[in-house]
Amino acid sequence: MLYVQQSLGPDEELVHVGKFHWMYTVGAFMSILWGLVMSILIMFAAYKGYEMFGYLPNDTGFLGAIKIIHPGIRGVAFLFFVLGLVKFAHMMVIKVTTEIAITNNRMVYKRGLVARQVGEISIDRIEGVNVLQTILGRIFDYGRVMIRGMGVGEVVLPPIEDPISFRRAIEEAKVR
């Protein structure tokens, strides 16, 4: 919350801070899991292929066969695992570097690590707020918030926890 706190005006106060839901982190970890599963499936398929065509010595187990399998196949399997790690890192950087807040004067959406992108909408210029929730979002209380502003268009926030209270905070800030 460093940027938002630094950019507060003299009579401005924080009304609500939007936070990523834990399901976003679960999705990031699932990227690692899917990369690992895909790499194991590739290696297992290669092992079974080598075994079926008789390229493996007798009594060679799965782990022993990894040394014999073609380096290109091992490289592709490793690439899938690395892609899972990169996707995880990307999602975590987004989570750490994103700030979403509502003050009594404006809604602030800051994202970016090196290149900073800041979207601010004055509270009195917000026309409407929509909450977008999937079935899982309803069950676990997370969702996206779409904010329509006059002259700004639409700003769709990433999945945040308790989007209904975020919308309510915008309405309360409008009343102040």
Protein backbone atom coordinates (compact mmCIF):
# COMPACT_ATOMS: atom_id res chain seq x y z
CA MET A 1 0.00 0.00 0.00
CA LEU A 2 3.01 2.25 -0.39
CA TYR A 3 1.91 4.19 -3.50
CA VAL A 4 -1.60 4.92 -2.27
CA GLN A 5 -0.37 6.10 1.11
CA GLN A 6 2.22 8.36 -0.55
CA SER A 7 -0.34 9.87 -2.91
CA LEU A 8 -2.99 10.76 -0.31
CA GLY A 9 -4.00 14.39 -0.30
CA PRO A 10 -4.09 16.54 2.87
CA ASP A 11 -7.81 15.94 3.57
CA GLU A 12 -7.95 12.47 2.02
CA GLU A 13 -8.40 9.25 3.97
CA LEU A 14 -8.53 5.57 3.02
CA VAL A 15 -12.04 4.13 3.01
CA HIS A 16 -11.35 0.59 1.79
CA VAL A 17 -8.39 -1.45 0.53
CA GLY A 18 -8.97 -4.23 -2.00
CA LYS A 19 -6.91 -7.38 -1.52
CA PHE A 20 -6.34 -10.38 -3.73
CA HIS A 21 -8.28 -13.44 -2.64
CA TRP A 22 -6.40 -16.57 -1.56
CA MET A 23 -7.81 -18.41 -4.60
CA TYR A 24 -5.52 -16.27 -6.78
CA THR A 25 -2.53 -17.68 -4.90
CA VAL A 26 -3.94 -21.20 -5.25
CA GLY A 27 -4.15 -20.60 -9.00
CA ALA A 28 -0.52 -19.53 -9.03
CA PHE A 29 0.55 -22.68 -7.21
CA MET A 30 -1.58 -24.73 -9.61
CA SER A 31 0.63 -23.42 -12.42
CA ILE A 32 3.63 -25.10 -10.80
CA LEU A 33 1.61 -28.26 -10.26
CA TRP A 34 0.42 -28.39 -13.89
CA GLY A 35 3.97 -27.81 -15.14
CA LEU A 36 5.20 -30.67 -12.97
CA VAL A 37 2.35 -32.97 -14.03
CA MET A 38 2.93 -32.23 -17.71
CA SER A 39 6.67 -32.87 -17.44
CA ILE A 40 6.06 -36.17 -15.62
CA LEU A 41 3.49 -37.20 -18.25
CA ILE A 42 5.93 -36.45 -21.06
CA MET A 43 8.67 -38.44 -19.38
CA PHE A 44 6.29 -41.31 -18.60
CA ALA A 45 5.02 -41.41 -22.20
CA ALA A 46 8.61 -41.49 -23.45
CA TYR A 47 9.44 -44.25 -20.96
CA LYS A 48 6.48 -46.34 -22.13
CA GLY A 49 7.41 -45.74 -25.77
CA TYR A 50 11.01 -46.78 -25.19
CA GLU A 51 9.79 -49.82 -23.25
CA MET A 52 7.30 -50.81 -25.97
CA PHE A 53 9.88 -50.67 -28.76
CA GLY A 54 12.55 -52.44 -26.70
CA TYR A 55 15.02 -49.56 -26.38
CA LEU A 56 15.42 -50.05 -22.63
CA PRO A 57 17.62 -52.71 -21.04
CA ASN A 58 15.74 -55.26 -18.94
CA ASP A 59 14.74 -54.25 -15.41
CA THR A 60 15.26 -50.54 -16.05
CA GLY A 61 12.89 -48.55 -13.84
CA PHE A 62 11.33 -45.19 -14.60
CA LEU A 63 14.05 -43.19 -12.84
CA GLY A 64 16.82 -45.20 -14.49
CA ALA A 65 15.23 -44.72 -17.90
CA ILE A 66 15.39 -40.94 -17.55
CA LYS A 67 19.13 -41.14 -18.25
CA ILE A 68 18.50 -43.09 -21.47
CA ILE A 69 15.61 -41.01 -22.85
CA HIS A 70 16.56 -38.61 -25.64
CA PRO A 71 17.80 -35.21 -24.36
CA GLY A 72 15.24 -33.41 -26.54
CA ILE A 73 12.37 -35.14 -24.75
CA ARG A 74 13.94 -34.36 -21.38
CA GLY A 75 14.35 -30.75 -22.49
CA VAL A 76 10.68 -30.45 -23.47
CA ALA A 77 9.63 -31.94 -20.13
CA PHE A 78 11.91 -29.50 -18.31
CA LEU A 79 10.52 -26.63 -20.40
CA PHE A 80 6.98 -27.42 -19.25
CA PHE A 81 8.13 -27.34 -15.62
CA VAL A 82 9.97 -24.04 -16.14
CA LEU A 83 6.89 -22.54 -17.83
CA GLY A 84 4.86 -23.47 -14.75
CA LEU A 85 7.42 -21.74 -12.53
CA VAL A 86 7.45 -18.64 -14.75
CA LYS A 87 3.64 -18.44 -14.68
CA PHE A 88 3.75 -18.75 -10.87
CA ALA A 89 6.36 -15.99 -10.60
CA HIS A 90 4.37 -13.76 -12.97
CA MET A 91 1.17 -14.15 -10.95
CA MET A 92 2.97 -13.51 -7.66
CA VAL A 93 4.65 -10.35 -9.01
CA ILE A 94 1.23 -9.09 -10.12
CA LYS A 95 -0.20 -9.83 -6.68
CA VAL A 96 2.63 -8.12 -4.81
CA THR A 97 2.80 -5.02 -7.02
CA THR A 98 -0.93 -4.28 -7.34
CA GLU A 99 -2.64 -1.78 -5.07
CA ILE A 100 -6.38 -1.21 -5.09
CA ALA A 101 -7.88 1.37 -2.75
CA ILE A 102 -10.81 3.66 -2.28
CA THR A 103 -10.35 7.00 -0.58
CA ASN A 104 -13.02 9.53 0.22
CA ASN A 105 -12.13 11.33 -3.08
CA ARG A 106 -11.07 8.67 -5.59
CA MET A 107 -10.57 5.03 -6.51
CA VAL A 108 -6.91 4.12 -7.12
CA TYR A 109 -5.71 1.07 -9.08
CA LYS A 110 -1.91 0.83 -9.29
CA ARG A 111 -0.04 -2.05 -10.89
CA GLY A 112 3.46 -2.68 -12.10
CA LEU A 113 6.90 -3.43 -10.71
CA VAL A 114 9.27 -1.37 -12.83
CA ALA A 115 6.83 0.35 -15.17
CA ARG A 116 4.06 1.74 -13.01
CA GLN A 117 0.53 2.04 -14.35
CA VAL A 118 -1.89 4.01 -12.22
CA GLY A 119 -5.58 4.42 -12.85
CA GLU A 120 -7.50 6.88 -10.73
CA ILE A 121 -11.17 7.69 -10.98
CA SER A 122 -12.73 10.47 -8.97
CA ILE A 123 -15.54 9.10 -6.80
CA ASP A 124 -18.02 11.64 -8.14
CA ARG A 125 -17.17 10.58 -11.73
CA ILE A 126 -18.08 6.91 -11.17
CA GLU A 127 -21.29 6.07 -13.04
CA GLY A 128 -21.71 2.45 -12.04
CA VAL A 129 -20.12 -0.50 -10.34
CA ASN A 130 -20.71 -4.11 -11.40
CA VAL A 131 -19.61 -7.17 -9.47
CA LEU A 132 -18.62 -10.18 -11.58
CA GLN A 133 -18.61 -13.46 -9.68
CA THR A 134 -18.42 -17.03 -10.89
CA ILE A 135 -19.98 -19.93 -9.00
CA LEU A 136 -16.69 -20.51 -7.16
CA GLY A 137 -16.51 -16.77 -6.54
CA ARG A 138 -19.90 -16.84 -4.86
CA ILE A 139 -18.95 -19.85 -2.74
CA PHE A 140 -15.55 -18.50 -1.65
CA ASP A 141 -16.54 -14.79 -1.69
CA TYR A 142 -14.28 -13.35 -4.36
CA GLY A 143 -14.83 -11.73 -7.71
CA ARG A 144 -13.96 -8.97 -10.11
CA VAL A 145 -15.30 -5.45 -9.89
CA MET A 146 -16.02 -3.49 -13.06
CA ILE A 147 -16.15 0.28 -12.57
CA ARG A 148 -17.62 2.57 -15.23
CA GLY A 149 -16.53 6.16 -15.07
CA MET A 150 -17.58 9.23 -17.03
CA GLY A 151 -15.03 9.82 -19.75
CA VAL A 152 -12.84 6.95 -18.52
CA GLY A 153 -14.61 3.88 -19.83
CA GLU A 154 -14.48 0.68 -17.84
CA VAL A 155 -11.87 -0.46 -15.35
CA VAL A 156 -11.99 -4.17 -14.50
CA LEU A 157 -10.13 -4.99 -11.32
CA PRO A 158 -8.41 -8.34 -10.76
CA PRO A 159 -10.10 -10.94 -8.53
CA ILE A 160 -10.42 -9.45 -5.04
CA GLU A 161 -11.84 -10.76 -1.81
CA ASP A 162 -15.30 -9.60 -0.78
CA PRO A 163 -16.20 -7.59 -3.91
CA ILE A 164 -19.60 -6.67 -2.45
CA SER A 165 -17.99 -4.71 0.40
CA PHE A 166 -15.68 -3.05 -2.15
CA ARG A 167 -18.74 -1.89 -4.11
CA ARG A 168 -20.41 -0.81 -0.87
CA ALA A 169 -17.30 1.22 0.04
CA ILE A 170 -17.51 3.04 -3.29
CA GLU A 171 -21.15 3.88 -2.60
CA GLU A 172 -20.29 5.08 0.92
CA ALA A 173 -17.47 7.25 -0.43
CA LYS A 174 -19.92 8.81 -2.91
CA VAL A 175 -22.26 9.76 -0.07
CA ARG A 176 -19.53 11.46 2.00
